[in-house]
Amino acid sequence: MTLLNVIQVIVDFKKIDMTEKELNLLDRFASKYKIDCVPSEGKYDFWDFTYEWDARKFYCEMKQRKFTLDTAKSKYPEGLILEMHKYERILRKTKNEKSAQGLYINFFDCDSVLVFNLNKTRINNWVWRTMPESTDFGRKSYVYKYITLLEYDKGKVFYI
């Protein structure tokens, strides 16, 4: 089974609307860094995939940004949004497994990838914000979300 097939299993099982671009980004990242993605266990999991490396297991939340990393830094200098419920649930999972880590992986249009290790990133400031219900920002439905802004220098940049 190819990596794209595994990713499609994730998409089908979790009923996530991943675009072809997102699938290709993840495939390129996995191929370049030689990681084998494993689909999450169920549609109620709060990570997209896992992989094992150097006797550690990584639970990964993937976010595809529709701009470059430089544009992000210019337009959103305070950092990238992370929702508390995703952070908390991934950390809860990793704290109950020896050597597990949670990653927040952000893909940008410039073929750069900014990865935050959630187990090693100290977050002190959470706020409630009115935001679009989903990442489809064309929608008119808004909800309150408990979020933080991850500073860019707390992540590590990779290239694909």
C-alpha atoms as a PDB file:
ATOM      1  CA  MET A   1       0.000   0.000   0.000  1.00  0.00           C
ATOM      2  CA  THR A   2       1.468   3.367  -1.011  1.00  0.00           C
ATOM      3  CA  LEU A   3       1.577   6.347   1.303  1.00  0.00           C
ATOM      4  CA  LEU A   4      -1.108   8.101  -0.750  1.00  0.00           C
ATOM      5  CA  ASN A   5      -3.353   5.049  -0.306  1.00  0.00           C
ATOM      6  CA  VAL A   6      -2.773   5.107   3.461  1.00  0.00           C
ATOM      7  CA  ILE A   7      -3.591   8.805   3.571  1.00  0.00           C
ATOM      8  CA  GLN A   8      -6.743   8.216   1.542  1.00  0.00           C
ATOM      9  CA  VAL A   9      -7.779   5.566   4.104  1.00  0.00           C
ATOM     10  CA  ILE A  10      -7.422   8.240   6.792  1.00  0.00           C
ATOM     11  CA  VAL A  11      -9.506  10.665   4.769  1.00  0.00           C
ATOM     12  CA  ASP A  12     -12.224   8.123   4.008  1.00  0.00           C
ATOM     13  CA  PHE A  13     -12.376   6.765   7.539  1.00  0.00           C
ATOM     14  CA  LYS A  14     -12.422  10.113   9.309  1.00  0.00           C
ATOM     15  CA  LYS A  15     -14.625  11.739   6.659  1.00  0.00           C
ATOM     16  CA  ILE A  16     -12.131  14.567   6.283  1.00  0.00           C
ATOM     17  CA  ASP A  17     -12.186  16.664   3.149  1.00  0.00           C
ATOM     18  CA  MET A  18      -8.484  16.635   2.311  1.00  0.00           C
ATOM     19  CA  THR A  19      -7.595  18.169  -0.986  1.00  0.00           C
ATOM     20  CA  GLU A  20      -5.326  16.567  -3.526  1.00  0.00           C
ATOM     21  CA  LYS A  21      -2.778  19.269  -2.672  1.00  0.00           C
ATOM     22  CA  GLU A  22      -2.833  18.302   1.014  1.00  0.00           C
ATOM     23  CA  LEU A  23      -2.394  14.639   0.139  1.00  0.00           C
ATOM     24  CA  ASN A  24       0.541  15.466  -2.130  1.00  0.00           C
ATOM     25  CA  LEU A  25       2.183  17.690   0.505  1.00  0.00           C
ATOM     26  CA  LEU A  26       1.994  14.948   3.107  1.00  0.00           C
ATOM     27  CA  ASP A  27       3.280  12.357   0.645  1.00  0.00           C
ATOM     28  CA  ARG A  28       6.257  14.558  -0.297  1.00  0.00           C
ATOM     29  CA  PHE A  29       7.060  15.262   3.358  1.00  0.00           C
ATOM     30  CA  ALA A  30       6.858  11.582   4.297  1.00  0.00           C
ATOM     31  CA  SER A  31       8.957  10.516   1.314  1.00  0.00           C
ATOM     32  CA  LYS A  32      11.680  13.110   1.891  1.00  0.00           C
ATOM     33  CA  TYR A  33      12.036  12.359   5.603  1.00  0.00           C
ATOM     34  CA  LYS A  34      11.432   8.611   5.226  1.00  0.00           C
ATOM     35  CA  ILE A  35       8.497   8.271   7.584  1.00  0.00           C
ATOM     36  CA  ASP A  36       5.660   5.774   7.269  1.00  0.00           C
ATOM     37  CA  CYS A  37       2.301   7.251   8.161  1.00  0.00           C
ATOM     38  CA  VAL A  38      -0.253   5.143  10.018  1.00  0.00           C
ATOM     39  CA  PRO A  39      -3.907   6.248   9.988  1.00  0.00           C
ATOM     40  CA  SER A  40      -5.492   7.307  13.257  1.00  0.00           C
ATOM     41  CA  GLU A  41      -7.542   4.643  14.998  1.00  0.00           C
ATOM     42  CA  GLY A  42     -10.943   6.207  14.547  1.00  0.00           C
ATOM     43  CA  LYS A  43     -12.922   9.147  13.343  1.00  0.00           C
ATOM     44  CA  TYR A  44     -13.013  10.623  16.868  1.00  0.00           C
ATOM     45  CA  ASP A  45      -9.227  10.747  17.241  1.00  0.00           C
ATOM     46  CA  PHE A  46      -7.687  14.186  17.311  1.00  0.00           C
ATOM     47  CA  TRP A  47      -4.635  13.501  15.205  1.00  0.00           C
ATOM     48  CA  ASP A  48      -4.346  12.801  11.508  1.00  0.00           C
ATOM     49  CA  PHE A  49      -1.600  10.188  11.493  1.00  0.00           C
ATOM     50  CA  THR A  50       1.196   8.664  13.531  1.00  0.00           C
ATOM     51  CA  TYR A  51       4.676   7.493  12.721  1.00  0.00           C
ATOM     52  CA  GLU A  52       7.523   5.886  14.662  1.00  0.00           C
ATOM     53  CA  TRP A  53      11.114   7.021  14.609  1.00  0.00           C
ATOM     54  CA  ASP A  54      14.072   6.350  16.894  1.00  0.00           C
ATOM     55  CA  ALA A  55      11.973   4.295  19.377  1.00  0.00           C
ATOM     56  CA  ARG A  56       9.434   7.132  19.715  1.00  0.00           C
ATOM     57  CA  LYS A  57       5.878   7.417  18.461  1.00  0.00           C
ATOM     58  CA  PHE A  58       4.613  10.728  17.049  1.00  0.00           C
ATOM     59  CA  TYR A  59       0.948  11.770  16.958  1.00  0.00           C
ATOM     60  CA  CYS A  60       0.578  14.380  14.228  1.00  0.00           C
ATOM     61  CA  GLU A  61      -1.981  17.075  13.544  1.00  0.00           C
ATOM     62  CA  MET A  62      -1.596  18.411  10.002  1.00  0.00           C
ATOM     63  CA  LYS A  63      -2.533  21.912   8.836  1.00  0.00           C
ATOM     64  CA  GLN A  64      -2.170  23.125   5.254  1.00  0.00           C
ATOM     65  CA  ARG A  65      -1.765  26.902   5.034  1.00  0.00           C
ATOM     66  CA  LYS A  66      -2.734  28.696   1.828  1.00  0.00           C
ATOM     67  CA  PHE A  67       0.158  31.154   1.964  1.00  0.00           C
ATOM     68  CA  THR A  68       3.941  31.132   2.318  1.00  0.00           C
ATOM     69  CA  LEU A  69       5.779  31.065   5.619  1.00  0.00           C
ATOM     70  CA  ASP A  70       7.111  34.582   4.957  1.00  0.00           C
ATOM     71  CA  THR A  71       3.570  35.823   4.295  1.00  0.00           C
ATOM     72  CA  ALA A  72       2.416  34.200   7.531  1.00  0.00           C
ATOM     73  CA  LYS A  73       5.141  35.947   9.506  1.00  0.00           C
ATOM     74  CA  SER A  74       4.297  39.261   7.870  1.00  0.00           C
ATOM     75  CA  LYS A  75       0.497  39.015   8.023  1.00  0.00           C
ATOM     76  CA  TYR A  76       0.249  37.183  11.376  1.00  0.00           C
ATOM     77  CA  PRO A  77       3.354  38.285  13.319  1.00  0.00           C
ATOM     78  CA  GLU A  78       1.938  37.083  16.639  1.00  0.00           C
ATOM     79  CA  GLY A  79       1.986  33.431  15.477  1.00  0.00           C
ATOM     80  CA  LEU A  80      -0.106  30.540  14.168  1.00  0.00           C
ATOM     81  CA  ILE A  81      -3.420  29.510  15.713  1.00  0.00           C
ATOM     82  CA  LEU A  82      -3.681  26.266  17.671  1.00  0.00           C
ATOM     83  CA  GLU A  83      -6.984  25.237  19.215  1.00  0.00           C
ATOM     84  CA  MET A  84      -6.927  24.065  22.833  1.00  0.00           C
ATOM     85  CA  HIS A  85      -9.040  20.954  22.259  1.00  0.00           C
ATOM     86  CA  LYS A  86      -6.563  19.616  19.686  1.00  0.00           C
ATOM     87  CA  TYR A  87      -3.573  20.455  21.859  1.00  0.00           C
ATOM     88  CA  GLU A  88      -5.077  18.982  25.009  1.00  0.00           C
ATOM     89  CA  ARG A  89      -6.243  15.732  23.430  1.00  0.00           C
ATOM     90  CA  ILE A  90      -2.979  15.048  21.640  1.00  0.00           C
ATOM     91  CA  LEU A  91      -1.022  15.742  24.834  1.00  0.00           C
ATOM     92  CA  ARG A  92      -3.330  13.537  26.868  1.00  0.00           C
ATOM     93  CA  LYS A  93      -2.613  10.699  24.437  1.00  0.00           C
ATOM     94  CA  THR A  94       1.151  11.239  24.449  1.00  0.00           C
ATOM     95  CA  LYS A  95       1.378  11.513  28.236  1.00  0.00           C
ATOM     96  CA  ASN A  96      -0.128   8.031  28.549  1.00  0.00           C
ATOM     97  CA  GLU A  97       2.418   6.380  26.246  1.00  0.00           C
ATOM     98  CA  LYS A  98       6.099   6.021  26.948  1.00  0.00           C
ATOM     99  CA  SER A  99       8.283   8.042  24.546  1.00  0.00           C
ATOM    100  CA  ALA A 100       5.298   9.455  22.615  1.00  0.00           C
ATOM    101  CA  GLN A 101       5.309  13.025  21.267  1.00  0.00           C
ATOM    102  CA  GLY A 102       2.648  15.259  19.703  1.00  0.00           C
ATOM    103  CA  LEU A 103       3.485  17.265  16.583  1.00  0.00           C
ATOM    104  CA  TYR A 104       1.605  20.164  14.984  1.00  0.00           C
ATOM    105  CA  ILE A 105       2.729  20.154  11.348  1.00  0.00           C
ATOM    106  CA  ASN A 106       2.026  23.267   9.228  1.00  0.00           C
ATOM    107  CA  PHE A 107       2.561  23.048   5.456  1.00  0.00           C
ATOM    108  CA  PHE A 108       3.039  26.296   3.521  1.00  0.00           C
ATOM    109  CA  ASP A 109       2.759  27.107  -0.194  1.00  0.00           C
ATOM    110  CA  CYS A 110       6.502  27.754  -0.458  1.00  0.00           C
ATOM    111  CA  ASP A 111       7.339  24.064   0.203  1.00  0.00           C
ATOM    112  CA  SER A 112       8.367  24.837   3.758  1.00  0.00           C
ATOM    113  CA  VAL A 113       6.972  22.993   6.747  1.00  0.00           C
ATOM    114  CA  LEU A 114       6.899  24.386  10.287  1.00  0.00           C
ATOM    115  CA  VAL A 115       6.722  21.657  12.942  1.00  0.00           C
ATOM    116  CA  PHE A 116       5.951  22.263  16.608  1.00  0.00           C
ATOM    117  CA  ASN A 117       6.646  19.560  19.173  1.00  0.00           C
ATOM    118  CA  LEU A 118       3.670  20.111  21.472  1.00  0.00           C
ATOM    119  CA  ASN A 119       5.292  18.185  24.334  1.00  0.00           C
ATOM    120  CA  LYS A 120       8.226  20.594  24.338  1.00  0.00           C
ATOM    121  CA  THR A 121       6.447  23.867  23.528  1.00  0.00           C
ATOM    122  CA  ARG A 122       5.523  25.925  26.573  1.00  0.00           C
ATOM    123  CA  ILE A 123       2.192  27.686  26.132  1.00  0.00           C
ATOM    124  CA  ASN A 124       1.104  30.195  28.742  1.00  0.00           C
ATOM    125  CA  ASN A 125      -1.527  32.273  27.010  1.00  0.00           C
ATOM    126  CA  TRP A 126      -4.916  30.888  25.933  1.00  0.00           C
ATOM    127  CA  VAL A 127      -7.765  33.184  24.845  1.00  0.00           C
ATOM    128  CA  TRP A 128     -11.351  32.888  23.661  1.00  0.00           C
ATOM    129  CA  ARG A 129     -11.906  34.228  20.135  1.00  0.00           C
ATOM    130  CA  THR A 130     -14.886  34.367  17.818  1.00  0.00           C
ATOM    131  CA  MET A 131     -13.765  32.521  14.700  1.00  0.00           C
ATOM    132  CA  PRO A 132     -15.198  30.755  11.666  1.00  0.00           C
ATOM    133  CA  GLU A 133     -16.581  27.348  12.580  1.00  0.00           C
ATOM    134  CA  SER A 134     -14.296  25.617  10.083  1.00  0.00           C
ATOM    135  CA  THR A 135     -11.179  26.421   8.096  1.00  0.00           C
ATOM    136  CA  ASP A 136     -13.401  27.111   5.105  1.00  0.00           C
ATOM    137  CA  PHE A 137     -13.322  30.839   5.804  1.00  0.00           C
ATOM    138  CA  GLY A 138     -15.948  31.554   3.152  1.00  0.00           C
ATOM    139  CA  ARG A 139     -18.601  30.247   5.549  1.00  0.00           C
ATOM    140  CA  LYS A 140     -20.652  32.661   7.634  1.00  0.00           C
ATOM    141  CA  SER A 141     -21.017  30.496  10.743  1.00  0.00           C
ATOM    142  CA  TYR A 142     -18.932  31.642  13.735  1.00  0.00           C
ATOM    143  CA  VAL A 143     -18.205  30.010  17.095  1.00  0.00           C
ATOM    144  CA  TYR A 144     -16.093  30.729  20.171  1.00  0.00           C
ATOM    145  CA  LYS A 145     -12.789  28.875  20.183  1.00  0.00           C
ATOM    146  CA  TYR A 146     -10.182  28.630  22.925  1.00  0.00           C
ATOM    147  CA  ILE A 147      -6.884  29.215  21.136  1.00  0.00           C
ATOM    148  CA  THR A 148      -3.265  30.179  21.491  1.00  0.00           C
ATOM    149  CA  LEU A 149      -0.870  31.721  19.018  1.00  0.00           C
ATOM    150  CA  LEU A 150       2.267  29.638  18.529  1.00  0.00           C
ATOM    151  CA  GLU A 151       5.322  31.806  18.005  1.00  0.00           C
ATOM    152  CA  TYR A 152       7.218  30.881  14.841  1.00  0.00           C
ATOM    153  CA  ASP A 153      10.551  30.498  16.612  1.00  0.00           C
ATOM    154  CA  LYS A 154       9.104  27.698  18.788  1.00  0.00           C
ATOM    155  CA  GLY A 155       8.831  25.494  15.686  1.00  0.00           C
ATOM    156  CA  LYS A 156      11.403  23.890  13.421  1.00  0.00           C
ATOM    157  CA  VAL A 157      11.430  24.562   9.674  1.00  0.00           C
ATOM    158  CA  PHE A 158      11.759  21.692   7.194  1.00  0.00           C
ATOM    159  CA  TYR A 159      11.670  21.801   3.395  1.00  0.00           C
ATOM    160  CA  ILE A 160       9.999  19.486   0.890  1.00  0.00           C
END
